[in-house]
Amino acid sequence: MKMSAASALAAWAVGTAWLIVFVVLEHFDAPGPDLLDYVQWGMLLPALILYPLFRKWFAAWLLRQRG
């Protein structure tokens, strides 16, 4: 599987940001299902929406670094 450097960096950034938010919210989460559990997993959608923006930004950044 071929993946560009910009795509890999964008996937890393989105995954890391989502994981940090998930862990921080987990600290305030009570045992059992509640609203915060849905918020934690609901944050995955905005993270995935940001992926193309991160990919574009990393591609431009990598181009500047080469030139």
PDB file of N, CA and C in Angstrom:
ATOM      1  N   MET A   1       0.842  -1.173   0.000  1.00  0.00           N
ATOM      2  CA  MET A   1       0.000   0.000   0.000  1.00  0.00           C
ATOM      3  C   MET A   1       0.887   1.236   0.000  1.00  0.00           C
ATOM      4  N   LYS A   2       0.687   2.086  -0.994  1.00  0.00           N
ATOM      5  CA  LYS A   2       1.449   3.322  -1.068  1.00  0.00           C
ATOM      6  C   LYS A   2       0.644   4.450  -0.432  1.00  0.00           C
ATOM      7  N   MET A   3       1.325   5.216   0.402  1.00  0.00           N
ATOM      8  CA  MET A   3       0.696   6.358   1.050  1.00  0.00           C
ATOM      9  C   MET A   3       1.680   7.510   1.006  1.00  0.00           C
ATOM     10  N   SER A   4       1.211   8.672   0.627  1.00  0.00           N
ATOM     11  CA  SER A   4       2.112   9.822   0.572  1.00  0.00           C
ATOM     12  C   SER A   4       2.464  10.266   1.988  1.00  0.00           C
ATOM     13  N   ALA A   5       3.549  10.995   2.082  1.00  0.00           N
ATOM     14  CA  ALA A   5       3.994  11.493   3.391  1.00  0.00           C
ATOM     15  C   ALA A   5       2.953  12.435   3.987  1.00  0.00           C
ATOM     16  N   ALA A   6       2.352  13.269   3.154  1.00  0.00           N
ATOM     17  CA  ALA A   6       1.337  14.207   3.645  1.00  0.00           C
ATOM     18  C   ALA A   6       0.123  13.456   4.190  1.00  0.00           C
ATOM     19  N   SER A   7      -0.296  12.386   3.519  1.00  0.00           N
ATOM     20  CA  SER A   7      -1.433  11.599   3.992  1.00  0.00           C
ATOM     21  C   SER A   7      -1.113  10.902   5.305  1.00  0.00           C
ATOM     22  N   ALA A   8       0.100  10.374   5.411  1.00  0.00           N
ATOM     23  CA  ALA A   8       0.501   9.702   6.648  1.00  0.00           C
ATOM     24  C   ALA A   8       0.556  10.688   7.807  1.00  0.00           C
ATOM     25  N   LEU A   9       1.107  11.866   7.582  1.00  0.00           N
ATOM     26  CA  LEU A   9       1.175  12.874   8.642  1.00  0.00           C
ATOM     27  C   LEU A   9      -0.218  13.353   9.037  1.00  0.00           C
ATOM     28  N   ALA A  10      -1.106  13.510   8.052  1.00  0.00           N
ATOM     29  CA  ALA A  10      -2.469  13.937   8.350  1.00  0.00           C
ATOM     30  C   ALA A  10      -3.200  12.868   9.168  1.00  0.00           C
ATOM     31  N   ALA A  11      -3.039  11.614   8.806  1.00  0.00           N
ATOM     32  CA  ALA A  11      -3.671  10.525   9.569  1.00  0.00           C
ATOM     33  C   ALA A  11      -3.133  10.482  10.991  1.00  0.00           C
ATOM     34  N   TRP A  12      -1.832  10.679  11.139  1.00  0.00           N
ATOM     35  CA  TRP A  12      -1.220  10.700  12.474  1.00  0.00           C
ATOM     36  C   TRP A  12      -1.768  11.863  13.299  1.00  0.00           C
ATOM     37  N   ALA A  13      -1.863  13.054  12.693  1.00  0.00           N
ATOM     38  CA  ALA A  13      -2.332  14.238  13.409  1.00  0.00           C
ATOM     39  C   ALA A  13      -3.786  14.090  13.841  1.00  0.00           C
ATOM     40  N   VAL A  14      -4.629  13.625  12.938  1.00  0.00           N
ATOM     41  CA  VAL A  14      -6.048  13.457  13.256  1.00  0.00           C
ATOM     42  C   VAL A  14      -6.226  12.384  14.332  1.00  0.00           C
ATOM     43  N   GLY A  15      -5.530  11.273  14.180  1.00  0.00           N
ATOM     44  CA  GLY A  15      -5.642  10.194  15.168  1.00  0.00           C
ATOM     45  C   GLY A  15      -5.145  10.605  16.539  1.00  0.00           C
ATOM     46  N   THR A  16      -4.040  11.323  16.573  1.00  0.00           N
ATOM     47  CA  THR A  16      -3.485  11.769  17.847  1.00  0.00           C
ATOM     48  C   THR A  16      -4.401  12.772  18.529  1.00  0.00           C
ATOM     49  N   ALA A  17      -4.909  13.739  17.771  1.00  0.00           N
ATOM     50  CA  ALA A  17      -5.812  14.740  18.345  1.00  0.00           C
ATOM     51  C   ALA A  17      -7.072  14.082  18.896  1.00  0.00           C
ATOM     52  N   TRP A  18      -7.644  13.144  18.127  1.00  0.00           N
ATOM     53  CA  TRP A  18      -8.847  12.470  18.602  1.00  0.00           C
ATOM     54  C   TRP A  18      -8.555  11.646  19.862  1.00  0.00           C
ATOM     55  N   LEU A  19      -7.421  10.973  19.877  1.00  0.00           N
ATOM     56  CA  LEU A  19      -7.079  10.156  21.031  1.00  0.00           C
ATOM     57  C   LEU A  19      -6.865  11.002  22.281  1.00  0.00           C
ATOM     58  N   ILE A  20      -6.239  12.160  22.137  1.00  0.00           N
ATOM     59  CA  ILE A  20      -6.037  13.056  23.285  1.00  0.00           C
ATOM     60  C   ILE A  20      -7.385  13.520  23.828  1.00  0.00           C
ATOM     61  N   VAL A  21      -8.284  13.946  22.940  1.00  0.00           N
ATOM     62  CA  VAL A  21      -9.620  14.380  23.379  1.00  0.00           C
ATOM     63  C   VAL A  21     -10.347  13.217  24.049  1.00  0.00           C
ATOM     64  N   PHE A  22     -10.248  12.026  23.472  1.00  0.00           N
ATOM     65  CA  PHE A  22     -10.915  10.855  24.029  1.00  0.00           C
ATOM     66  C   PHE A  22     -10.412  10.564  25.446  1.00  0.00           C
ATOM     67  N   VAL A  23      -9.100  10.600  25.646  1.00  0.00           N
ATOM     68  CA  VAL A  23      -8.517  10.287  26.953  1.00  0.00           C
ATOM     69  C   VAL A  23      -8.861  11.368  27.976  1.00  0.00           C
ATOM     70  N   VAL A  24      -8.822  12.634  27.568  1.00  0.00           N
ATOM     71  CA  VAL A  24      -9.167  13.713  28.500  1.00  0.00           C
ATOM     72  C   VAL A  24     -10.622  13.593  28.930  1.00  0.00           C
ATOM     73  N   LEU A  25     -11.514  13.331  27.981  1.00  0.00           N
ATOM     74  CA  LEU A  25     -12.926  13.174  28.334  1.00  0.00           C
ATOM     75  C   LEU A  25     -13.165  11.922  29.172  1.00  0.00           C
ATOM     76  N   GLU A  26     -12.374  10.894  28.959  1.00  0.00           N
ATOM     77  CA  GLU A  26     -12.515   9.654  29.734  1.00  0.00           C
ATOM     78  C   GLU A  26     -12.263   9.904  31.226  1.00  0.00           C
ATOM     79  N   HIS A  27     -11.414  10.871  31.510  1.00  0.00           N
ATOM     80  CA  HIS A  27     -11.119  11.213  32.908  1.00  0.00           C
ATOM     81  C   HIS A  27     -12.379  11.672  33.641  1.00  0.00           C
ATOM     82  N   PHE A  28     -13.290  12.338  32.930  1.00  0.00           N
ATOM     83  CA  PHE A  28     -14.505  12.857  33.537  1.00  0.00           C
ATOM     84  C   PHE A  28     -15.693  11.909  33.382  1.00  0.00           C
ATOM     85  N   ASP A  29     -15.486  10.786  32.745  1.00  0.00           N
ATOM     86  CA  ASP A  29     -16.573   9.848  32.433  1.00  0.00           C
ATOM     87  C   ASP A  29     -16.866   8.947  33.616  1.00  0.00           C
ATOM     88  N   ALA A  30     -18.140   8.871  33.959  1.00  0.00           N
ATOM     89  CA  ALA A  30     -18.568   7.953  35.019  1.00  0.00           C
ATOM     90  C   ALA A  30     -18.746   6.556  34.407  1.00  0.00           C
ATOM     91  N   PRO A  31     -18.633   5.515  35.239  1.00  0.00           N
ATOM     92  CA  PRO A  31     -18.849   4.163  34.707  1.00  0.00           C
ATOM     93  C   PRO A  31     -20.265   4.006  34.162  1.00  0.00           C
ATOM     94  N   GLY A  32     -20.366   3.228  33.112  1.00  0.00           N
ATOM     95  CA  GLY A  32     -21.670   2.981  32.510  1.00  0.00           C
ATOM     96  C   GLY A  32     -21.928   3.919  31.345  1.00  0.00           C
ATOM     97  N   PRO A  33     -22.886   3.592  30.516  1.00  0.00           N
ATOM     98  CA  PRO A  33     -23.180   4.432  29.349  1.00  0.00           C
ATOM     99  C   PRO A  33     -23.862   5.740  29.760  1.00  0.00           C
ATOM    100  N   ASP A  34     -23.384   6.824  29.214  1.00  0.00           N
ATOM    101  CA  ASP A  34     -24.006   8.121  29.433  1.00  0.00           C
ATOM    102  C   ASP A  34     -23.685   9.028  28.250  1.00  0.00           C
ATOM    103  N   LEU A  35     -24.077  10.273  28.329  1.00  0.00           N
ATOM    104  CA  LEU A  35     -23.914  11.216  27.219  1.00  0.00           C
ATOM    105  C   LEU A  35     -22.451  11.388  26.820  1.00  0.00           C
ATOM    106  N   LEU A  36     -21.552  11.394  27.788  1.00  0.00           N
ATOM    107  CA  LEU A  36     -20.139  11.619  27.495  1.00  0.00           C
ATOM    108  C   LEU A  36     -19.556  10.521  26.597  1.00  0.00           C
ATOM    109  N   ASP A  37     -20.058   9.315  26.716  1.00  0.00           N
ATOM    110  CA  ASP A  37     -19.600   8.236  25.835  1.00  0.00           C
ATOM    111  C   ASP A  37     -19.951   8.545  24.380  1.00  0.00           C
ATOM    112  N   TYR A  38     -21.144   9.074  24.164  1.00  0.00           N
ATOM    113  CA  TYR A  38     -21.546   9.429  22.802  1.00  0.00           C
ATOM    114  C   TYR A  38     -20.759  10.626  22.284  1.00  0.00           C
ATOM    115  N   VAL A  39     -20.431  11.563  23.160  1.00  0.00           N
ATOM    116  CA  VAL A  39     -19.620  12.717  22.762  1.00  0.00           C
ATOM    117  C   VAL A  39     -18.222  12.257  22.358  1.00  0.00           C
ATOM    118  N   GLN A  40     -17.647  11.332  23.126  1.00  0.00           N
ATOM    119  CA  GLN A  40     -16.310  10.824  22.801  1.00  0.00           C
ATOM    120  C   GLN A  40     -16.275  10.229  21.402  1.00  0.00           C
ATOM    121  N   TRP A  41     -17.216   9.380  21.083  1.00  0.00           N
ATOM    122  CA  TRP A  41     -17.230   8.743  19.763  1.00  0.00           C
ATOM    123  C   TRP A  41     -17.733   9.707  18.698  1.00  0.00           C
ATOM    124  N   GLY A  42     -18.560  10.672  19.080  1.00  0.00           N
ATOM    125  CA  GLY A  42     -19.035  11.674  18.138  1.00  0.00           C
ATOM    126  C   GLY A  42     -17.931  12.608  17.664  1.00  0.00           C
ATOM    127  N   MET A  43     -16.881  12.742  18.451  1.00  0.00           N
ATOM    128  CA  MET A  43     -15.745  13.589  18.068  1.00  0.00           C
ATOM    129  C   MET A  43     -14.946  12.969  16.922  1.00  0.00           C
ATOM    130  N   LEU A  44     -15.190  11.715  16.642  1.00  0.00           N
ATOM    131  CA  LEU A  44     -14.490  11.059  15.540  1.00  0.00           C
ATOM    132  C   LEU A  44     -14.899  11.651  14.186  1.00  0.00           C
ATOM    133  N   LEU A  45     -16.167  12.006  14.032  1.00  0.00           N
ATOM    134  CA  LEU A  45     -16.640  12.575  12.767  1.00  0.00           C
ATOM    135  C   LEU A  45     -15.967  13.915  12.447  1.00  0.00           C
ATOM    136  N   PRO A  46     -15.921  14.894  13.377  1.00  0.00           N
ATOM    137  CA  PRO A  46     -15.202  16.132  13.065  1.00  0.00           C
ATOM    138  C   PRO A  46     -13.711  15.885  12.790  1.00  0.00           C
ATOM    139  N   ALA A  47     -13.138  14.914  13.471  1.00  0.00           N
ATOM    140  CA  ALA A  47     -11.725  14.598  13.225  1.00  0.00           C
ATOM    141  C   ALA A  47     -11.538  14.094  11.800  1.00  0.00           C
ATOM    142  N   LEU A  48     -12.434  13.239  11.331  1.00  0.00           N
ATOM    143  CA  LEU A  48     -12.337  12.734   9.961  1.00  0.00           C
ATOM    144  C   LEU A  48     -12.609  13.825   8.931  1.00  0.00           C
ATOM    145  N   ILE A  49     -13.459  14.773   9.271  1.00  0.00           N
ATOM    146  CA  ILE A  49     -13.728  15.891   8.371  1.00  0.00           C
ATOM    147  C   ILE A  49     -12.494  16.775   8.235  1.00  0.00           C
ATOM    148  N   LEU A  50     -11.699  16.883   9.284  1.00  0.00           N
ATOM    149  CA  LEU A  50     -10.491  17.705   9.246  1.00  0.00           C
ATOM    150  C   LEU A  50      -9.339  17.047   8.498  1.00  0.00           C
ATOM    151  N   TYR A  51      -9.435  15.754   8.219  1.00  0.00           N
ATOM    152  CA  TYR A  51      -8.342  15.037   7.566  1.00  0.00           C
ATOM    153  C   TYR A  51      -7.902  15.679   6.247  1.00  0.00           C
ATOM    154  N   PRO A  52      -8.808  16.024   5.320  1.00  0.00           N
ATOM    155  CA  PRO A  52      -8.344  16.639   4.066  1.00  0.00           C
ATOM    156  C   PRO A  52      -7.634  17.982   4.278  1.00  0.00           C
ATOM    157  N   LEU A  53      -8.081  18.743   5.274  1.00  0.00           N
ATOM    158  CA  LEU A  53      -7.418  20.019   5.554  1.00  0.00           C
ATOM    159  C   LEU A  53      -5.996  19.791   6.067  1.00  0.00           C
ATOM    160  N   PHE A  54      -5.848  18.828   6.959  1.00  0.00           N
ATOM    161  CA  PHE A  54      -4.513  18.494   7.455  1.00  0.00           C
ATOM    162  C   PHE A  54      -3.631  17.978   6.325  1.00  0.00           C
ATOM    163  N   ARG A  55      -4.174  17.157   5.432  1.00  0.00           N
ATOM    164  CA  ARG A  55      -3.391  16.605   4.328  1.00  0.00           C
ATOM    165  C   ARG A  55      -2.890  17.716   3.407  1.00  0.00           C
ATOM    166  N   LYS A  56      -3.770  18.663   3.118  1.00  0.00           N
ATOM    167  CA  LYS A  56      -3.387  19.797   2.271  1.00  0.00           C
ATOM    168  C   LYS A  56      -2.301  20.632   2.953  1.00  0.00           C
ATOM    169  N   TRP A  57      -2.463  20.891   4.251  1.00  0.00           N
ATOM    170  CA  TRP A  57      -1.493  21.691   4.980  1.00  0.00           C
ATOM    171  C   TRP A  57      -0.139  20.985   5.043  1.00  0.00           C
ATOM    172  N   PHE A  58      -0.129  19.699   5.331  1.00  0.00           N
ATOM    173  CA  PHE A  58       1.124  18.956   5.387  1.00  0.00           C
ATOM    174  C   PHE A  58       1.796  18.870   4.023  1.00  0.00           C
ATOM    175  N   ALA A  59       1.008  18.747   2.950  1.00  0.00           N
ATOM    176  CA  ALA A  59       1.598  18.716   1.609  1.00  0.00           C
ATOM    177  C   ALA A  59       2.301  20.031   1.304  1.00  0.00           C
ATOM    178  N   ALA A  60       1.665  21.154   1.630  1.00  0.00           N
ATOM    179  CA  ALA A  60       2.291  22.462   1.412  1.00  0.00           C
ATOM    180  C   ALA A  60       3.528  22.627   2.289  1.00  0.00           C
ATOM    181  N   TRP A  61       3.443  22.166   3.521  1.00  0.00           N
ATOM    182  CA  TRP A  61       4.573  22.278   4.446  1.00  0.00           C
ATOM    183  C   TRP A  61       5.769  21.451   3.952  1.00  0.00           C
ATOM    184  N   LEU A  62       5.503  20.255   3.487  1.00  0.00           N
ATOM    185  CA  LEU A  62       6.576  19.404   2.970  1.00  0.00           C
ATOM    186  C   LEU A  62       7.207  20.007   1.723  1.00  0.00           C
ATOM    187  N   LEU A  63       6.416  20.640   0.877  1.00  0.00           N
ATOM    188  CA  LEU A  63       6.950  21.303  -0.317  1.00  0.00           C
ATOM    189  C   LEU A  63       7.877  22.450   0.067  1.00  0.00           C
ATOM    190  N   ARG A  64       7.483  23.234   1.074  1.00  0.00           N
ATOM    191  CA  ARG A  64       8.335  24.337   1.540  1.00  0.00           C
ATOM    192  C   ARG A  64       9.636  23.817   2.120  1.00  0.00           C
ATOM    193  N   GLN A  65       9.590  22.671   2.794  1.00  0.00           N
ATOM    194  CA  GLN A  65      10.789  22.116   3.402  1.00  0.00           C
ATOM    195  C   GLN A  65      11.793  21.632   2.359  1.00  0.00           C
ATOM    196  N   ARG A  66      11.302  21.180   1.224  1.00  0.00           N
ATOM    197  CA  ARG A  66      12.189  20.689   0.170  1.00  0.00           C
ATOM    198  C   ARG A  66      12.851  21.822  -0.598  1.00  0.00           C
ATOM    199  N   GLY A  67      12.142  22.934  -0.708  1.00  0.00           N
ATOM    200  CA  GLY A  67      12.585  23.945  -1.633  1.00  0.00           C
ATOM    201  C   GLY A  67      13.292  25.089  -1.110  1.00  0.00           C
TER     202      GLY A  67
END
